[in-house]
């Protein structure tokens, strides 16, 4: 799957414990992460970042790829502790 870049840089989200970190990396590095990952899935968990790689990285993808990629999984609901 091809990540979406702007000016050679790819914005991404990274799951760091219970937090999400937002940053950007070069398109080459992002594509290597995707190509060498053990799992990829499309999700609606983070709008604008549908590609979840190894359960930690979330990348934007080219619009045409989201329709032909793996099944889109709905966002996960967090359990509310009472």
PDB file of N, CA and C in Angstrom:
ATOM      1  N   UNK A   1       0.847  -1.167   0.000  1.00  0.00           N
ATOM      2  CA  UNK A   1       0.000   0.000   0.000  1.00  0.00           C
ATOM      3  C   UNK A   1       0.896   1.234   0.000  1.00  0.00           C
ATOM      4  N   UNK A   2       0.528   2.252  -0.737  1.00  0.00           N
ATOM      5  CA  UNK A   2       1.339   3.458  -0.879  1.00  0.00           C
ATOM      6  C   UNK A   2       0.856   4.538   0.072  1.00  0.00           C
ATOM      7  N   UNK A   3       1.797   5.099   0.843  1.00  0.00           N
ATOM      8  CA  UNK A   3       1.462   6.184   1.767  1.00  0.00           C
ATOM      9  C   UNK A   3       1.336   7.495   0.992  1.00  0.00           C
ATOM     10  N   UNK A   4       0.556   8.410   1.534  1.00  0.00           N
ATOM     11  CA  UNK A   4       0.332   9.712   0.902  1.00  0.00           C
ATOM     12  C   UNK A   4       1.354  10.702   1.457  1.00  0.00           C
ATOM     13  N   UNK A   5       2.062  11.395   0.553  1.00  0.00           N
ATOM     14  CA  UNK A   5       3.072  12.349   1.003  1.00  0.00           C
ATOM     15  C   UNK A   5       2.794  13.736   0.450  1.00  0.00           C
ATOM     16  N   UNK A   6       3.410  14.706   1.081  1.00  0.00           N
ATOM     17  CA  UNK A   6       3.327  16.086   0.642  1.00  0.00           C
ATOM     18  C   UNK A   6       4.734  16.661   0.711  1.00  0.00           C
ATOM     19  N   UNK A   7       5.316  16.963  -0.435  1.00  0.00           N
ATOM     20  CA  UNK A   7       6.665  17.496  -0.473  1.00  0.00           C
ATOM     21  C   UNK A   7       7.709  16.516   0.011  1.00  0.00           C
ATOM     22  N   UNK A   8       7.470  15.216  -0.183  1.00  0.00           N
ATOM     23  CA  UNK A   8       8.426  14.199   0.223  1.00  0.00           C
ATOM     24  C   UNK A   8       8.338  13.791   1.688  1.00  0.00           C
ATOM     25  N   UNK A   9       7.421  14.405   2.430  1.00  0.00           N
ATOM     26  CA  UNK A   9       7.243  14.082   3.846  1.00  0.00           C
ATOM     27  C   UNK A   9       5.857  13.462   4.063  1.00  0.00           C
ATOM     28  N   UNK A  10       5.777  12.520   4.995  1.00  0.00           N
ATOM     29  CA  UNK A  10       4.528  11.826   5.305  1.00  0.00           C
ATOM     30  C   UNK A  10       4.152  12.114   6.761  1.00  0.00           C
ATOM     31  N   UNK A  11       2.987  12.709   6.985  1.00  0.00           N
ATOM     32  CA  UNK A  11       2.546  12.877   8.376  1.00  0.00           C
ATOM     33  C   UNK A  11       2.117  11.521   8.924  1.00  0.00           C
ATOM     34  N   UNK A  12       2.275  11.315  10.213  1.00  0.00           N
ATOM     35  CA  UNK A  12       1.864  10.044  10.800  1.00  0.00           C
ATOM     36  C   UNK A  12       1.500  10.238  12.259  1.00  0.00           C
ATOM     37  N   UNK A  13       0.798   9.250  12.790  1.00  0.00           N
ATOM     38  CA  UNK A  13       0.515   9.168  14.211  1.00  0.00           C
ATOM     39  C   UNK A  13       1.208   7.920  14.719  1.00  0.00           C
ATOM     40  N   UNK A  14       1.719   7.991  15.949  1.00  0.00           N
ATOM     41  CA  UNK A  14       2.391   6.847  16.551  1.00  0.00           C
ATOM     42  C   UNK A  14       1.831   6.626  17.944  1.00  0.00           C
ATOM     43  N   UNK A  15       1.460   5.396  18.232  1.00  0.00           N
ATOM     44  CA  UNK A  15       0.908   5.046  19.532  1.00  0.00           C
ATOM     45  C   UNK A  15       2.059   4.848  20.517  1.00  0.00           C
ATOM     46  N   UNK A  16       2.118   5.735  21.517  1.00  0.00           N
ATOM     47  CA  UNK A  16       3.165   5.668  22.542  1.00  0.00           C
ATOM     48  C   UNK A  16       2.479   5.460  23.884  1.00  0.00           C
ATOM     49  N   UNK A  17       2.316   4.210  24.263  1.00  0.00           N
ATOM     50  CA  UNK A  17       1.572   3.899  25.482  1.00  0.00           C
ATOM     51  C   UNK A  17       0.111   4.249  25.281  1.00  0.00           C
ATOM     52  N   UNK A  18      -0.411   5.126  26.136  1.00  0.00           N
ATOM     53  CA  UNK A  18      -1.805   5.561  26.003  1.00  0.00           C
ATOM     54  C   UNK A  18      -1.919   6.843  25.195  1.00  0.00           C
ATOM     55  N   UNK A  19      -0.786   7.415  24.786  1.00  0.00           N
ATOM     56  CA  UNK A  19      -0.766   8.674  24.042  1.00  0.00           C
ATOM     57  C   UNK A  19      -0.573   8.425  22.555  1.00  0.00           C
ATOM     58  N   UNK A  20      -0.960   9.426  21.745  1.00  0.00           N
ATOM     59  CA  UNK A  20      -0.711   9.415  20.313  1.00  0.00           C
ATOM     60  C   UNK A  20       0.213  10.580  19.999  1.00  0.00           C
ATOM     61  N   UNK A  21       1.304  10.300  19.307  1.00  0.00           N
ATOM     62  CA  UNK A  21       2.273  11.313  18.915  1.00  0.00           C
ATOM     63  C   UNK A  21       2.099  11.590  17.432  1.00  0.00           C
ATOM     64  N   UNK A  22       2.063  12.866  17.068  1.00  0.00           N
ATOM     65  CA  UNK A  22       1.924  13.276  15.682  1.00  0.00           C
ATOM     66  C   UNK A  22       3.249  13.871  15.207  1.00  0.00           C
ATOM     67  N   UNK A  23       3.728  13.425  14.058  1.00  0.00           N
ATOM     68  CA  UNK A  23       4.977  13.935  13.500  1.00  0.00           C
ATOM     69  C   UNK A  23       4.983  13.653  12.003  1.00  0.00           C
ATOM     70  N   UNK A  24       6.126  13.849  11.374  1.00  0.00           N
ATOM     71  CA  UNK A  24       6.261  13.510   9.959  1.00  0.00           C
ATOM     72  C   UNK A  24       7.632  12.892   9.727  1.00  0.00           C
ATOM     73  N   UNK A  25       7.733  12.095   8.663  1.00  0.00           N
ATOM     74  CA  UNK A  25       8.991  11.447   8.299  1.00  0.00           C
ATOM     75  C   UNK A  25       9.085  11.450   6.789  1.00  0.00           C
ATOM     76  N   UNK A  26      10.268  11.143   6.275  1.00  0.00           N
ATOM     77  CA  UNK A  26      10.444  11.125   4.830  1.00  0.00           C
ATOM     78  C   UNK A  26       9.597  10.001   4.215  1.00  0.00           C
ATOM     79  N   UNK A  27       9.213  10.218   2.984  1.00  0.00           N
ATOM     80  CA  UNK A  27       8.374   9.237   2.289  1.00  0.00           C
ATOM     81  C   UNK A  27       9.076   7.893   2.177  1.00  0.00           C
ATOM     82  N   UNK A  28      10.386   7.891   1.942  1.00  0.00           N
ATOM     83  CA  UNK A  28      11.137   6.633   1.815  1.00  0.00           C
ATOM     84  C   UNK A  28      11.084   5.812   3.100  1.00  0.00           C
ATOM     85  N   UNK A  29      11.284   6.465   4.240  1.00  0.00           N
ATOM     86  CA  UNK A  29      11.271   5.763   5.524  1.00  0.00           C
ATOM     87  C   UNK A  29       9.873   5.214   5.816  1.00  0.00           C
ATOM     88  N   UNK A  30       8.842   6.038   5.585  1.00  0.00           N
ATOM     89  CA  UNK A  30       7.457   5.604   5.824  1.00  0.00           C
ATOM     90  C   UNK A  30       7.117   4.394   4.962  1.00  0.00           C
ATOM     91  N   UNK A  31       7.513   4.424   3.688  1.00  0.00           N
ATOM     92  CA  UNK A  31       7.202   3.315   2.796  1.00  0.00           C
ATOM     93  C   UNK A  31       7.945   2.045   3.222  1.00  0.00           C
ATOM     94  N   UNK A  32       9.167   2.172   3.738  1.00  0.00           N
ATOM     95  CA  UNK A  32       9.912   1.006   4.223  1.00  0.00           C
ATOM     96  C   UNK A  32       9.231   0.400   5.444  1.00  0.00           C
ATOM     97  N   UNK A  33       8.708   1.251   6.319  1.00  0.00           N
ATOM     98  CA  UNK A  33       7.978   0.746   7.495  1.00  0.00           C
ATOM     99  C   UNK A  33       6.773  -0.068   7.039  1.00  0.00           C
ATOM    100  N   UNK A  34       6.035   0.451   6.069  1.00  0.00           N
ATOM    101  CA  UNK A  34       4.855  -0.253   5.555  1.00  0.00           C
ATOM    102  C   UNK A  34       5.266  -1.553   4.859  1.00  0.00           C
ATOM    103  N   UNK A  35       6.263  -1.481   4.012  1.00  0.00           N
ATOM    104  CA  UNK A  35       6.677  -2.655   3.232  1.00  0.00           C
ATOM    105  C   UNK A  35       7.224  -3.791   4.103  1.00  0.00           C
ATOM    106  N   UNK A  36       7.866  -3.459   5.213  1.00  0.00           N
ATOM    107  CA  UNK A  36       8.480  -4.478   6.069  1.00  0.00           C
ATOM    108  C   UNK A  36       7.669  -4.771   7.332  1.00  0.00           C
ATOM    109  N   UNK A  37       6.423  -4.358   7.349  1.00  0.00           N
ATOM    110  CA  UNK A  37       5.581  -4.567   8.537  1.00  0.00           C
ATOM    111  C   UNK A  37       5.073  -5.999   8.605  1.00  0.00           C
ATOM    112  N   UNK A  38       4.696  -6.398   9.809  1.00  0.00           N
ATOM    113  CA  UNK A  38       4.119  -7.732   9.979  1.00  0.00           C
ATOM    114  C   UNK A  38       2.601  -7.705   9.848  1.00  0.00           C
ATOM    115  N   UNK A  39       1.990  -6.510  10.019  1.00  0.00           N
ATOM    116  CA  UNK A  39       0.535  -6.408   9.837  1.00  0.00           C
ATOM    117  C   UNK A  39       0.157  -5.018   9.353  1.00  0.00           C
ATOM    118  N   UNK A  40      -0.878  -5.001   8.519  1.00  0.00           N
ATOM    119  CA  UNK A  40      -1.449  -3.754   7.996  1.00  0.00           C
ATOM    120  C   UNK A  40      -2.952  -3.914   7.991  1.00  0.00           C
ATOM    121  N   UNK A  41      -3.661  -2.848   8.357  1.00  0.00           N
ATOM    122  CA  UNK A  41      -5.116  -2.873   8.263  1.00  0.00           C
ATOM    123  C   UNK A  41      -5.619  -1.454   8.061  1.00  0.00           C
ATOM    124  N   UNK A  42      -6.749  -1.349   7.397  1.00  0.00           N
ATOM    125  CA  UNK A  42      -7.402  -0.057   7.243  1.00  0.00           C
ATOM    126  C   UNK A  42      -8.392   0.091   8.383  1.00  0.00           C
ATOM    127  N   UNK A  43      -8.400   1.257   9.011  1.00  0.00           N
ATOM    128  CA  UNK A  43      -9.261   1.487  10.153  1.00  0.00           C
ATOM    129  C   UNK A  43      -9.804   2.907  10.131  1.00  0.00           C
ATOM    130  N   UNK A  44     -10.884   3.135  10.825  1.00  0.00           N
ATOM    131  CA  UNK A  44     -11.469   4.472  10.958  1.00  0.00           C
ATOM    132  C   UNK A  44     -11.155   5.051  12.337  1.00  0.00           C
ATOM    133  N   UNK A  45     -10.229   4.430  13.053  1.00  0.00           N
ATOM    134  CA  UNK A  45      -9.899   4.822  14.421  1.00  0.00           C
ATOM    135  C   UNK A  45      -9.396   6.258  14.504  1.00  0.00           C
ATOM    136  N   UNK A  46      -8.575   6.687  13.524  1.00  0.00           N
ATOM    137  CA  UNK A  46      -8.034   8.048  13.498  1.00  0.00           C
ATOM    138  C   UNK A  46      -8.319   8.650  12.122  1.00  0.00           C
ATOM    139  N   UNK A  47      -9.329   9.524  12.031  1.00  0.00           N
ATOM    140  CA  UNK A  47      -9.693  10.120  10.735  1.00  0.00           C
ATOM    141  C   UNK A  47      -8.493  10.775  10.051  1.00  0.00           C
ATOM    142  N   UNK A  48      -8.330  10.480   8.772  1.00  0.00           N
ATOM    143  CA  UNK A  48      -7.221  11.022   8.003  1.00  0.00           C
ATOM    144  C   UNK A  48      -5.991  10.126   8.003  1.00  0.00           C
ATOM    145  N   UNK A  49      -5.976   9.129   8.882  1.00  0.00           N
ATOM    146  CA  UNK A  49      -4.850   8.195   8.996  1.00  0.00           C
ATOM    147  C   UNK A  49      -5.404   6.764   8.999  1.00  0.00           C
ATOM    148  N   UNK A  50      -5.916   6.310   7.847  1.00  0.00           N
ATOM    149  CA  UNK A  50      -6.611   5.016   7.826  1.00  0.00           C
ATOM    150  C   UNK A  50      -5.725   3.779   7.876  1.00  0.00           C
ATOM    151  N   UNK A  51      -4.448   3.891   7.535  1.00  0.00           N
ATOM    152  CA  UNK A  51      -3.586   2.720   7.488  1.00  0.00           C
ATOM    153  C   UNK A  51      -2.899   2.505   8.827  1.00  0.00           C
ATOM    154  N   UNK A  52      -3.232   1.412   9.493  1.00  0.00           N
ATOM    155  CA  UNK A  52      -2.609   1.047  10.762  1.00  0.00           C
ATOM    156  C   UNK A  52      -1.552  -0.014  10.471  1.00  0.00           C
ATOM    157  N   UNK A  53      -0.304   0.276  10.836  1.00  0.00           N
ATOM    158  CA  UNK A  53       0.815  -0.633  10.582  1.00  0.00           C
ATOM    159  C   UNK A  53       1.353  -1.144  11.917  1.00  0.00           C
ATOM    160  N   UNK A  54       1.353  -2.444  12.076  1.00  0.00           N
ATOM    161  CA  UNK A  54       1.860  -3.108  13.285  1.00  0.00           C
ATOM    162  C   UNK A  54       1.199  -2.600  14.564  1.00  0.00           C
ATOM    163  N   UNK A  55      -0.006  -2.075  14.462  1.00  0.00           N
ATOM    164  CA  UNK A  55      -0.747  -1.614  15.632  1.00  0.00           C
ATOM    165  C   UNK A  55      -0.179  -0.370  16.283  1.00  0.00           C
ATOM    166  N   UNK A  56       0.805   0.277  15.661  1.00  0.00           N
ATOM    167  CA  UNK A  56       1.455   1.431  16.290  1.00  0.00           C
ATOM    168  C   UNK A  56       1.496   2.665  15.392  1.00  0.00           C
ATOM    169  N   UNK A  57       1.776   2.502  14.110  1.00  0.00           N
ATOM    170  CA  UNK A  57       1.863   3.626  13.179  1.00  0.00           C
ATOM    171  C   UNK A  57       0.552   3.776  12.429  1.00  0.00           C
ATOM    172  N   UNK A  58       0.122   5.013  12.236  1.00  0.00           N
ATOM    173  CA  UNK A  58      -1.066   5.323  11.447  1.00  0.00           C
ATOM    174  C   UNK A  58      -0.654   6.316  10.368  1.00  0.00           C
ATOM    175  N   UNK A  59      -0.872   5.944   9.088  1.00  0.00           N
ATOM    176  CA  UNK A  59      -0.466   6.754   7.948  1.00  0.00           C
ATOM    177  C   UNK A  59      -1.664   7.121   7.078  1.00  0.00           C
ATOM    178  N   UNK A  60      -1.587   8.278   6.389  1.00  0.00           N
ATOM    179  CA  UNK A  60      -2.569   8.561   5.349  1.00  0.00           C
ATOM    180  C   UNK A  60      -2.176   7.770   4.099  1.00  0.00           C
ATOM    181  N   UNK A  61      -3.136   7.397   3.286  1.00  0.00           N
ATOM    182  CA  UNK A  61      -2.855   6.667   2.052  1.00  0.00           C
ATOM    183  C   UNK A  61      -3.520   7.379   0.889  1.00  0.00           C
ATOM    184  N   UNK A  62      -3.048   7.061  -0.321  1.00  0.00           N
ATOM    185  CA  UNK A  62      -3.671   7.622  -1.513  1.00  0.00           C
ATOM    186  C   UNK A  62      -5.135   7.201  -1.546  1.00  0.00           C
ATOM    187  N   UNK A  63      -6.027   8.099  -1.937  1.00  0.00           N
ATOM    188  CA  UNK A  63      -7.465   7.840  -1.923  1.00  0.00           C
ATOM    189  C   UNK A  63      -7.880   6.600  -2.672  1.00  0.00           C
ATOM    190  N   UNK A  64      -7.232   6.296  -3.792  1.00  0.00           N
ATOM    191  CA  UNK A  64      -7.606   5.123  -4.588  1.00  0.00           C
ATOM    192  C   UNK A  64      -7.289   3.832  -3.856  1.00  0.00           C
ATOM    193  N   UNK A  65      -6.304   3.852  -2.962  1.00  0.00           N
ATOM    194  CA  UNK A  65      -5.894   2.628  -2.268  1.00  0.00           C
ATOM    195  C   UNK A  65      -6.866   2.226  -1.176  1.00  0.00           C
ATOM    196  N   UNK A  66      -7.572   3.186  -0.574  1.00  0.00           N
ATOM    197  CA  UNK A  66      -8.461   2.834   0.523  1.00  0.00           C
ATOM    198  C   UNK A  66      -9.637   1.996   0.037  1.00  0.00           C
ATOM    199  N   UNK A  67     -10.031   2.165  -1.205  1.00  0.00           N
ATOM    200  CA  UNK A  67     -11.170   1.415  -1.715  1.00  0.00           C
ATOM    201  C   UNK A  67     -10.782  -0.011  -2.102  1.00  0.00           C
ATOM    202  N   UNK A  68      -9.523  -0.238  -2.459  1.00  0.00           N
ATOM    203  CA  UNK A  68      -9.122  -1.554  -2.928  1.00  0.00           C
ATOM    204  C   UNK A  68      -8.307  -2.327  -1.897  1.00  0.00           C
ATOM    205  N   UNK A  69      -8.033  -1.719  -0.763  1.00  0.00           N
ATOM    206  CA  UNK A  69      -7.205  -2.347   0.262  1.00  0.00           C
ATOM    207  C   UNK A  69      -7.976  -3.353   1.080  1.00  0.00           C
ATOM    208  N   UNK A  70      -7.395  -3.790   2.186  1.00  0.00           N
ATOM    209  CA  UNK A  70      -8.076  -4.754   3.058  1.00  0.00           C
ATOM    210  C   UNK A  70      -9.344  -4.170   3.660  1.00  0.00           C
ATOM    211  N   UNK A  71     -10.127  -5.007   4.268  1.00  0.00           N
ATOM    212  CA  UNK A  71     -11.395  -4.587   4.859  1.00  0.00           C
ATOM    213  C   UNK A  71     -11.173  -3.482   5.901  1.00  0.00           C
ATOM    214  N   UNK A  72     -12.006  -2.447   5.817  1.00  0.00           N
ATOM    215  CA  UNK A  72     -11.914  -1.341   6.769  1.00  0.00           C
ATOM    216  C   UNK A  72     -12.565  -1.768   8.069  1.00  0.00           C
ATOM    217  N   UNK A  73     -11.834  -1.644   9.173  1.00  0.00           N
ATOM    218  CA  UNK A  73     -12.374  -2.009  10.479  1.00  0.00           C
ATOM    219  C   UNK A  73     -12.905  -0.757  11.151  1.00  0.00           C
ATOM    220  N   UNK A  74     -14.063  -0.823  11.806  1.00  0.00           N
ATOM    221  CA  UNK A  74     -14.611   0.355  12.479  1.00  0.00           C
ATOM    222  C   UNK A  74     -13.737   0.766  13.644  1.00  0.00           C
ATOM    223  N   UNK A  75     -13.879   2.019  14.045  1.00  0.00           N
ATOM    224  CA  UNK A  75     -13.089   2.510  15.169  1.00  0.00           C
ATOM    225  C   UNK A  75     -13.451   1.736  16.422  1.00  0.00           C
ATOM    226  N   UNK A  76     -12.474   1.597  17.285  1.00  0.00           N
ATOM    227  CA  UNK A  76     -12.693   0.842  18.525  1.00  0.00           C
ATOM    228  C   UNK A  76     -13.285   1.761  19.568  1.00  0.00           C
ATOM    229  N   UNK A  77     -14.256   1.276  20.259  1.00  0.00           N
ATOM    230  CA  UNK A  77     -14.894   2.034  21.335  1.00  0.00           C
ATOM    231  C   UNK A  77     -14.120   1.781  22.619  1.00  0.00           C
ATOM    232  N   UNK A  78     -13.832   2.847  23.342  1.00  0.00           N
ATOM    233  CA  UNK A  78     -13.148   2.697  24.621  1.00  0.00           C
ATOM    234  C   UNK A  78     -14.162   2.363  25.696  1.00  0.00           C
ATOM    235  N   UNK A  79     -13.775   1.476  26.589  1.00  0.00           N
ATOM    236  CA  UNK A  79     -14.649   1.124  27.695  1.00  0.00           C
ATOM    237  C   UNK A  79     -14.549   2.215  28.750  1.00  0.00           C
ATOM    238  N   UNK A  80     -15.684   2.608  29.266  1.00  0.00           N
ATOM    239  CA  UNK A  80     -15.730   3.645  30.286  1.00  0.00           C
ATOM    240  C   UNK A  80     -15.713   2.976  31.646  1.00  0.00           C
ATOM    241  N   UNK A  81     -14.743   3.366  32.476  1.00  0.00           N
ATOM    242  CA  UNK A  81     -14.666   2.815  33.816  1.00  0.00           C
ATOM    243  C   UNK A  81     -15.582   3.623  34.728  1.00  0.00           C
ATOM    244  N   UNK A  82     -16.328   2.935  35.526  1.00  0.00           N
ATOM    245  CA  UNK A  82     -17.249   3.616  36.439  1.00  0.00           C
ATOM    246  C   UNK A  82     -16.708   3.654  37.845  1.00  0.00           C
TER     247      UNK A  82
END
